[in-house]
Amino acid sequence: MDALQMNMITVDQVHPLLSDLLSSLNKLTILPSDFEGKTKMKEWILMLSKMGAADGLTKQQVRQLLFDLESSYKFG
């Protein structure tokens, strides 16, 4: 979340962070495989994979990603 708040919003900045997060979530055996946080991160990674490295997230996308991250953190 800090990276987004520091305006690191291009695909080549965000994608590695979300990939690392998803990898960490997948290692947590206490989380079910259908945990919403995992599903949301997979969706974001898929969306980012379809964009160019220099493409940036819109303000709306940043806001939604921050919401998804916060929601996952609270319910995890």
PDB file of N, CA and C in Angstrom:
ATOM      1  N   MET A   1       0.822  -1.184   0.000  1.00  0.00           N
ATOM      2  CA  MET A   1       0.000   0.000   0.000  1.00  0.00           C
ATOM      3  C   MET A   1       0.869   1.252   0.000  1.00  0.00           C
ATOM      4  N   ASP A   2       1.985   1.185   0.684  1.00  0.00           N
ATOM      5  CA  ASP A   2       2.868   2.351   0.753  1.00  0.00           C
ATOM      6  C   ASP A   2       3.346   2.762  -0.629  1.00  0.00           C
ATOM      7  N   ALA A   3       3.653   1.781  -1.482  1.00  0.00           N
ATOM      8  CA  ALA A   3       4.140   2.101  -2.826  1.00  0.00           C
ATOM      9  C   ALA A   3       3.100   2.895  -3.603  1.00  0.00           C
ATOM     10  N   LEU A   4       1.851   2.503  -3.506  1.00  0.00           N
ATOM     11  CA  LEU A   4       0.796   3.228  -4.206  1.00  0.00           C
ATOM     12  C   LEU A   4       0.640   4.634  -3.654  1.00  0.00           C
ATOM     13  N   GLN A   5       0.752   4.762  -2.356  1.00  0.00           N
ATOM     14  CA  GLN A   5       0.625   6.068  -1.730  1.00  0.00           C
ATOM     15  C   GLN A   5       1.809   6.968  -2.070  1.00  0.00           C
ATOM     16  N   MET A   6       2.928   6.376  -2.473  1.00  0.00           N
ATOM     17  CA  MET A   6       4.097   7.151  -2.898  1.00  0.00           C
ATOM     18  C   MET A   6       4.091   7.354  -4.416  1.00  0.00           C
ATOM     19  N   ASN A   7       2.932   7.119  -5.025  1.00  0.00           N
ATOM     20  CA  ASN A   7       2.713   7.334  -6.451  1.00  0.00           C
ATOM     21  C   ASN A   7       3.518   6.385  -7.340  1.00  0.00           C
ATOM     22  N   MET A   8       3.813   5.201  -6.843  1.00  0.00           N
ATOM     23  CA  MET A   8       4.440   4.165  -7.662  1.00  0.00           C
ATOM     24  C   MET A   8       3.295   3.387  -8.296  1.00  0.00           C
ATOM     25  N   ILE A   9       2.868   3.835  -9.479  1.00  0.00           N
ATOM     26  CA  ILE A   9       1.633   3.300 -10.050  1.00  0.00           C
ATOM     27  C   ILE A   9       1.807   2.710 -11.448  1.00  0.00           C
ATOM     28  N   THR A  10       3.034   2.605 -11.938  1.00  0.00           N
ATOM     29  CA  THR A  10       3.213   1.987 -13.250  1.00  0.00           C
ATOM     30  C   THR A  10       3.250   0.471 -13.090  1.00  0.00           C
ATOM     31  N   VAL A  11       2.922  -0.200 -14.167  1.00  0.00           N
ATOM     32  CA  VAL A  11       2.834  -1.659 -14.136  1.00  0.00           C
ATOM     33  C   VAL A  11       4.145  -2.286 -13.678  1.00  0.00           C
ATOM     34  N   ASP A  12       5.270  -1.779 -14.185  1.00  0.00           N
ATOM     35  CA  ASP A  12       6.552  -2.382 -13.811  1.00  0.00           C
ATOM     36  C   ASP A  12       6.920  -2.139 -12.346  1.00  0.00           C
ATOM     37  N   GLN A  13       6.221  -1.235 -11.676  1.00  0.00           N
ATOM     38  CA  GLN A  13       6.431  -1.015 -10.249  1.00  0.00           C
ATOM     39  C   GLN A  13       5.454  -1.814  -9.403  1.00  0.00           C
ATOM     40  N   VAL A  14       4.224  -1.920  -9.857  1.00  0.00           N
ATOM     41  CA  VAL A  14       3.161  -2.553  -9.064  1.00  0.00           C
ATOM     42  C   VAL A  14       3.141  -4.070  -9.231  1.00  0.00           C
ATOM     43  N   HIS A  15       3.334  -4.544 -10.450  1.00  0.00           N
ATOM     44  CA  HIS A  15       3.220  -5.986 -10.731  1.00  0.00           C
ATOM     45  C   HIS A  15       4.134  -6.841  -9.845  1.00  0.00           C
ATOM     46  N   PRO A  16       5.429  -6.506  -9.705  1.00  0.00           N
ATOM     47  CA  PRO A  16       6.292  -7.339  -8.857  1.00  0.00           C
ATOM     48  C   PRO A  16       5.839  -7.367  -7.392  1.00  0.00           C
ATOM     49  N   LEU A  17       5.331  -6.246  -6.915  1.00  0.00           N
ATOM     50  CA  LEU A  17       4.869  -6.188  -5.527  1.00  0.00           C
ATOM     51  C   LEU A  17       3.654  -7.089  -5.311  1.00  0.00           C
ATOM     52  N   LEU A  18       2.709  -7.036  -6.251  1.00  0.00           N
ATOM     53  CA  LEU A  18       1.523  -7.881  -6.123  1.00  0.00           C
ATOM     54  C   LEU A  18       1.868  -9.354  -6.316  1.00  0.00           C
ATOM     55  N   SER A  19       2.806  -9.637  -7.191  1.00  0.00           N
ATOM     56  CA  SER A  19       3.251 -11.025  -7.383  1.00  0.00           C
ATOM     57  C   SER A  19       3.879 -11.576  -6.109  1.00  0.00           C
ATOM     58  N   ASP A  20       4.707 -10.772  -5.466  1.00  0.00           N
ATOM     59  CA  ASP A  20       5.325 -11.181  -4.195  1.00  0.00           C
ATOM     60  C   ASP A  20       4.262 -11.380  -3.117  1.00  0.00           C
ATOM     61  N   LEU A  21       3.293 -10.478  -3.079  1.00  0.00           N
ATOM     62  CA  LEU A  21       2.209 -10.598  -2.100  1.00  0.00           C
ATOM     63  C   LEU A  21       1.421 -11.881  -2.323  1.00  0.00           C
ATOM     64  N   LEU A  22       1.062 -12.154  -3.568  1.00  0.00           N
ATOM     65  CA  LEU A  22       0.302 -13.369  -3.858  1.00  0.00           C
ATOM     66  C   LEU A  22       1.109 -14.616  -3.507  1.00  0.00           C
ATOM     67  N   SER A  23       2.392 -14.594  -3.801  1.00  0.00           N
ATOM     68  CA  SER A  23       3.259 -15.721  -3.452  1.00  0.00           C
ATOM     69  C   SER A  23       3.256 -15.954  -1.943  1.00  0.00           C
ATOM     70  N   SER A  24       3.333 -14.875  -1.182  1.00  0.00           N
ATOM     71  CA  SER A  24       3.303 -14.986   0.283  1.00  0.00           C
ATOM     72  C   SER A  24       1.952 -15.499   0.771  1.00  0.00           C
ATOM     73  N   LEU A  25       0.884 -15.001   0.178  1.00  0.00           N
ATOM     74  CA  LEU A  25      -0.457 -15.469   0.563  1.00  0.00           C
ATOM     75  C   LEU A  25      -0.612 -16.962   0.280  1.00  0.00           C
ATOM     76  N   ASN A  26      -0.069 -17.402  -0.846  1.00  0.00           N
ATOM     77  CA  ASN A  26      -0.181 -18.817  -1.210  1.00  0.00           C
ATOM     78  C   ASN A  26       0.596 -19.720  -0.259  1.00  0.00           C
ATOM     79  N   LYS A  27       1.603 -19.192   0.406  1.00  0.00           N
ATOM     80  CA  LYS A  27       2.398 -19.978   1.355  1.00  0.00           C
ATOM     81  C   LYS A  27       1.714 -20.115   2.716  1.00  0.00           C
ATOM     82  N   LEU A  28       0.730 -19.257   2.965  1.00  0.00           N
ATOM     83  CA  LEU A  28       0.024 -19.310   4.246  1.00  0.00           C
ATOM     84  C   LEU A  28      -1.019 -20.419   4.209  1.00  0.00           C
ATOM     85  N   THR A  29      -0.697 -21.518   4.843  1.00  0.00           N
ATOM     86  CA  THR A  29      -1.591 -22.675   4.812  1.00  0.00           C
ATOM     87  C   THR A  29      -2.863 -22.456   5.631  1.00  0.00           C
ATOM     88  N   ILE A  30      -2.873 -21.432   6.466  1.00  0.00           N
ATOM     89  CA  ILE A  30      -4.071 -21.163   7.269  1.00  0.00           C
ATOM     90  C   ILE A  30      -5.167 -20.484   6.446  1.00  0.00           C
ATOM     91  N   LEU A  31      -4.798 -19.956   5.280  1.00  0.00           N
ATOM     92  CA  LEU A  31      -5.791 -19.318   4.420  1.00  0.00           C
ATOM     93  C   LEU A  31      -6.393 -20.344   3.461  1.00  0.00           C
ATOM     94  N   PRO A  32      -7.699 -20.309   3.289  1.00  0.00           N
ATOM     95  CA  PRO A  32      -8.314 -21.228   2.315  1.00  0.00           C
ATOM     96  C   PRO A  32      -7.900 -20.848   0.896  1.00  0.00           C
ATOM     97  N   SER A  33      -7.945 -21.797  -0.007  1.00  0.00           N
ATOM     98  CA  SER A  33      -7.535 -21.531  -1.392  1.00  0.00           C
ATOM     99  C   SER A  33      -8.435 -20.507  -2.069  1.00  0.00           C
ATOM    100  N   ASP A  34      -9.667 -20.376  -1.568  1.00  0.00           N
ATOM    101  CA  ASP A  34     -10.591 -19.412  -2.165  1.00  0.00           C
ATOM    102  C   ASP A  34     -10.660 -18.104  -1.376  1.00  0.00           C
ATOM    103  N   PHE A  35      -9.648 -17.835  -0.557  1.00  0.00           N
ATOM    104  CA  PHE A  35      -9.593 -16.592   0.211  1.00  0.00           C
ATOM    105  C   PHE A  35      -9.707 -15.408  -0.744  1.00  0.00           C
ATOM    106  N   GLU A  36     -10.591 -14.474  -0.415  1.00  0.00           N
ATOM    107  CA  GLU A  36     -10.888 -13.358  -1.304  1.00  0.00           C
ATOM    108  C   GLU A  36      -9.646 -12.531  -1.651  1.00  0.00           C
ATOM    109  N   GLY A  37      -8.750 -12.383  -0.708  1.00  0.00           N
ATOM    110  CA  GLY A  37      -7.520 -11.633  -0.968  1.00  0.00           C
ATOM    111  C   GLY A  37      -6.692 -12.256  -2.078  1.00  0.00           C
ATOM    112  N   LYS A  38      -6.608 -13.576  -2.101  1.00  0.00           N
ATOM    113  CA  LYS A  38      -5.878 -14.264  -3.165  1.00  0.00           C
ATOM    114  C   LYS A  38      -6.565 -14.048  -4.504  1.00  0.00           C
ATOM    115  N   THR A  39      -7.875 -14.188  -4.505  1.00  0.00           N
ATOM    116  CA  THR A  39      -8.643 -14.014  -5.736  1.00  0.00           C
ATOM    117  C   THR A  39      -8.476 -12.606  -6.297  1.00  0.00           C
ATOM    118  N   LYS A  40      -8.564 -11.620  -5.419  1.00  0.00           N
ATOM    119  CA  LYS A  40      -8.415 -10.223  -5.857  1.00  0.00           C
ATOM    120  C   LYS A  40      -7.018  -9.969  -6.417  1.00  0.00           C
ATOM    121  N   MET A  41      -5.987 -10.483  -5.751  1.00  0.00           N
ATOM    122  CA  MET A  41      -4.627 -10.253  -6.233  1.00  0.00           C
ATOM    123  C   MET A  41      -4.409 -10.948  -7.581  1.00  0.00           C
ATOM    124  N   LYS A  42      -4.970 -12.141  -7.762  1.00  0.00           N
ATOM    125  CA  LYS A  42      -4.869 -12.825  -9.057  1.00  0.00           C
ATOM    126  C   LYS A  42      -5.519 -11.986 -10.142  1.00  0.00           C
ATOM    127  N   GLU A  43      -6.671 -11.388  -9.840  1.00  0.00           N
ATOM    128  CA  GLU A  43      -7.371 -10.550 -10.817  1.00  0.00           C
ATOM    129  C   GLU A  43      -6.534  -9.325 -11.181  1.00  0.00           C
ATOM    130  N   TRP A  44      -5.935  -8.694 -10.168  1.00  0.00           N
ATOM    131  CA  TRP A  44      -5.100  -7.528 -10.427  1.00  0.00           C
ATOM    132  C   TRP A  44      -3.874  -7.905 -11.259  1.00  0.00           C
ATOM    133  N   ILE A  45      -3.233  -9.005 -10.928  1.00  0.00           N
ATOM    134  CA  ILE A  45      -2.048  -9.444 -11.677  1.00  0.00           C
ATOM    135  C   ILE A  45      -2.414  -9.747 -13.120  1.00  0.00           C
ATOM    136  N   LEU A  46      -3.546 -10.389 -13.335  1.00  0.00           N
ATOM    137  CA  LEU A  46      -4.007 -10.684 -14.691  1.00  0.00           C
ATOM    138  C   LEU A  46      -4.244  -9.392 -15.468  1.00  0.00           C
ATOM    139  N   MET A  47      -4.889  -8.428 -14.841  1.00  0.00           N
ATOM    140  CA  MET A  47      -5.154  -7.158 -15.495  1.00  0.00           C
ATOM    141  C   MET A  47      -3.840  -6.439 -15.840  1.00  0.00           C
ATOM    142  N   LEU A  48      -2.909  -6.408 -14.886  1.00  0.00           N
ATOM    143  CA  LEU A  48      -1.629  -5.742 -15.119  1.00  0.00           C
ATOM    144  C   LEU A  48      -0.828  -6.437 -16.215  1.00  0.00           C
ATOM    145  N   SER A  49      -0.964  -7.754 -16.315  1.00  0.00           N
ATOM    146  CA  SER A  49      -0.231  -8.518 -17.326  1.00  0.00           C
ATOM    147  C   SER A  49      -0.658  -8.147 -18.742  1.00  0.00           C
ATOM    148  N   LYS A  50      -1.847  -7.606 -18.868  1.00  0.00           N
ATOM    149  CA  LYS A  50      -2.368  -7.216 -20.182  1.00  0.00           C
ATOM    150  C   LYS A  50      -1.969  -5.788 -20.558  1.00  0.00           C
ATOM    151  N   MET A  51      -1.320  -5.097 -19.642  1.00  0.00           N
ATOM    152  CA  MET A  51      -0.914  -3.711 -19.870  1.00  0.00           C
ATOM    153  C   MET A  51       0.575  -3.644 -20.183  1.00  0.00           C
ATOM    154  N   GLY A  52       1.021  -2.523 -20.705  1.00  0.00           N
ATOM    155  CA  GLY A  52       2.440  -2.315 -20.961  1.00  0.00           C
ATOM    156  C   GLY A  52       3.171  -1.943 -19.680  1.00  0.00           C
ATOM    157  N   ALA A  53       4.465  -2.165 -19.647  1.00  0.00           N
ATOM    158  CA  ALA A  53       5.264  -1.912 -18.444  1.00  0.00           C
ATOM    159  C   ALA A  53       5.205  -0.454 -17.998  1.00  0.00           C
ATOM    160  N   ALA A  54       5.153   0.466 -18.944  1.00  0.00           N
ATOM    161  CA  ALA A  54       5.154   1.883 -18.604  1.00  0.00           C
ATOM    162  C   ALA A  54       3.755   2.443 -18.362  1.00  0.00           C
ATOM    163  N   ASP A  55       2.720   1.616 -18.592  1.00  0.00           N
ATOM    164  CA  ASP A  55       1.349   2.075 -18.353  1.00  0.00           C
ATOM    165  C   ASP A  55       1.144   2.305 -16.862  1.00  0.00           C
ATOM    166  N   GLY A  56       0.373   3.306 -16.552  1.00  0.00           N
ATOM    167  CA  GLY A  56       0.091   3.615 -15.159  1.00  0.00           C
ATOM    168  C   GLY A  56      -1.351   3.339 -14.798  1.00  0.00           C
ATOM    169  N   LEU A  57      -1.578   3.048 -13.545  1.00  0.00           N
ATOM    170  CA  LEU A  57      -2.935   2.870 -13.051  1.00  0.00           C
ATOM    171  C   LEU A  57      -3.622   4.233 -12.974  1.00  0.00           C
ATOM    172  N   THR A  58      -4.904   4.249 -13.250  1.00  0.00           N
ATOM    173  CA  THR A  58      -5.667   5.484 -13.108  1.00  0.00           C
ATOM    174  C   THR A  58      -5.915   5.740 -11.623  1.00  0.00           C
ATOM    175  N   LYS A  59      -6.363   6.943 -11.304  1.00  0.00           N
ATOM    176  CA  LYS A  59      -6.681   7.259  -9.908  1.00  0.00           C
ATOM    177  C   LYS A  59      -7.750   6.311  -9.375  1.00  0.00           C
ATOM    178  N   GLN A  60      -8.721   5.964 -10.221  1.00  0.00           N
ATOM    179  CA  GLN A  60      -9.774   5.053  -9.804  1.00  0.00           C
ATOM    180  C   GLN A  60      -9.226   3.648  -9.537  1.00  0.00           C
ATOM    181  N   GLN A  61      -8.316   3.200 -10.389  1.00  0.00           N
ATOM    182  CA  GLN A  61      -7.709   1.878 -10.194  1.00  0.00           C
ATOM    183  C   GLN A  61      -6.860   1.849  -8.928  1.00  0.00           C
ATOM    184  N   VAL A  62      -6.108   2.898  -8.691  1.00  0.00           N
ATOM    185  CA  VAL A  62      -5.290   2.972  -7.471  1.00  0.00           C
ATOM    186  C   VAL A  62      -6.198   2.918  -6.250  1.00  0.00           C
ATOM    187  N   ARG A  63      -7.265   3.677  -6.293  1.00  0.00           N
ATOM    188  CA  ARG A  63      -8.190   3.693  -5.163  1.00  0.00           C
ATOM    189  C   ARG A  63      -8.805   2.313  -4.938  1.00  0.00           C
ATOM    190  N   GLN A  64      -9.191   1.633  -6.017  1.00  0.00           N
ATOM    191  CA  GLN A  64      -9.782   0.299  -5.892  1.00  0.00           C
ATOM    192  C   GLN A  64      -8.765  -0.710  -5.371  1.00  0.00           C
ATOM    193  N   LEU A  65      -7.537  -0.632  -5.883  1.00  0.00           N
ATOM    194  CA  LEU A  65      -6.492  -1.550  -5.421  1.00  0.00           C
ATOM    195  C   LEU A  65      -6.211  -1.343  -3.940  1.00  0.00           C
ATOM    196  N   LEU A  66      -6.129  -0.095  -3.513  1.00  0.00           N
ATOM    197  CA  LEU A  66      -5.928   0.187  -2.089  1.00  0.00           C
ATOM    198  C   LEU A  66      -7.078  -0.381  -1.259  1.00  0.00           C
ATOM    199  N   PHE A  67      -8.289  -0.236  -1.750  1.00  0.00           N
ATOM    200  CA  PHE A  67      -9.461  -0.781  -1.053  1.00  0.00           C
ATOM    201  C   PHE A  67      -9.376  -2.303  -0.977  1.00  0.00           C
ATOM    202  N   ASP A  68      -9.029  -2.941  -2.089  1.00  0.00           N
ATOM    203  CA  ASP A  68      -8.915  -4.405  -2.111  1.00  0.00           C
ATOM    204  C   ASP A  68      -7.829  -4.894  -1.166  1.00  0.00           C
ATOM    205  N   LEU A  69      -6.702  -4.206  -1.147  1.00  0.00           N
ATOM    206  CA  LEU A  69      -5.613  -4.589  -0.246  1.00  0.00           C
ATOM    207  C   LEU A  69      -6.033  -4.430   1.212  1.00  0.00           C
ATOM    208  N   GLU A  70      -6.650  -3.305   1.516  1.00  0.00           N
ATOM    209  CA  GLU A  70      -7.095  -3.049   2.892  1.00  0.00           C
ATOM    210  C   GLU A  70      -8.154  -4.063   3.326  1.00  0.00           C
ATOM    211  N   SER A  71      -9.085  -4.358   2.433  1.00  0.00           N
ATOM    212  CA  SER A  71     -10.141  -5.329   2.754  1.00  0.00           C
ATOM    213  C   SER A  71      -9.556  -6.716   3.006  1.00  0.00           C
ATOM    214  N   SER A  72      -8.602  -7.090   2.185  1.00  0.00           N
ATOM    215  CA  SER A  72      -7.959  -8.399   2.343  1.00  0.00           C
ATOM    216  C   SER A  72      -7.209  -8.480   3.658  1.00  0.00           C
ATOM    217  N   TYR A  73      -6.552  -7.400   4.033  1.00  0.00           N
ATOM    218  CA  TYR A  73      -5.784  -7.353   5.252  1.00  0.00           C
ATOM    219  C   TYR A  73      -6.706  -7.485   6.484  1.00  0.00           C
ATOM    220  N   LYS A  74      -7.824  -6.783   6.438  1.00  0.00           N
ATOM    221  CA  LYS A  74      -8.747  -6.796   7.575  1.00  0.00           C
ATOM    222  C   LYS A  74      -9.438  -8.135   7.758  1.00  0.00           C
ATOM    223  N   PHE A  75      -9.702  -8.830   6.648  1.00  0.00           N
ATOM    224  CA  PHE A  75     -10.462 -10.073   6.737  1.00  0.00           C
ATOM    225  C   PHE A  75      -9.584 -11.301   6.668  1.00  0.00           C
ATOM    226  N   GLY A  76      -8.271 -11.107   6.586  1.00  0.00           N
ATOM    227  CA  GLY A  76      -7.360 -12.231   6.454  1.00  0.00           C
ATOM    228  C   GLY A  76      -7.036 -12.915   7.732  1.00  0.00           C
TER     229      GLY A  76
END
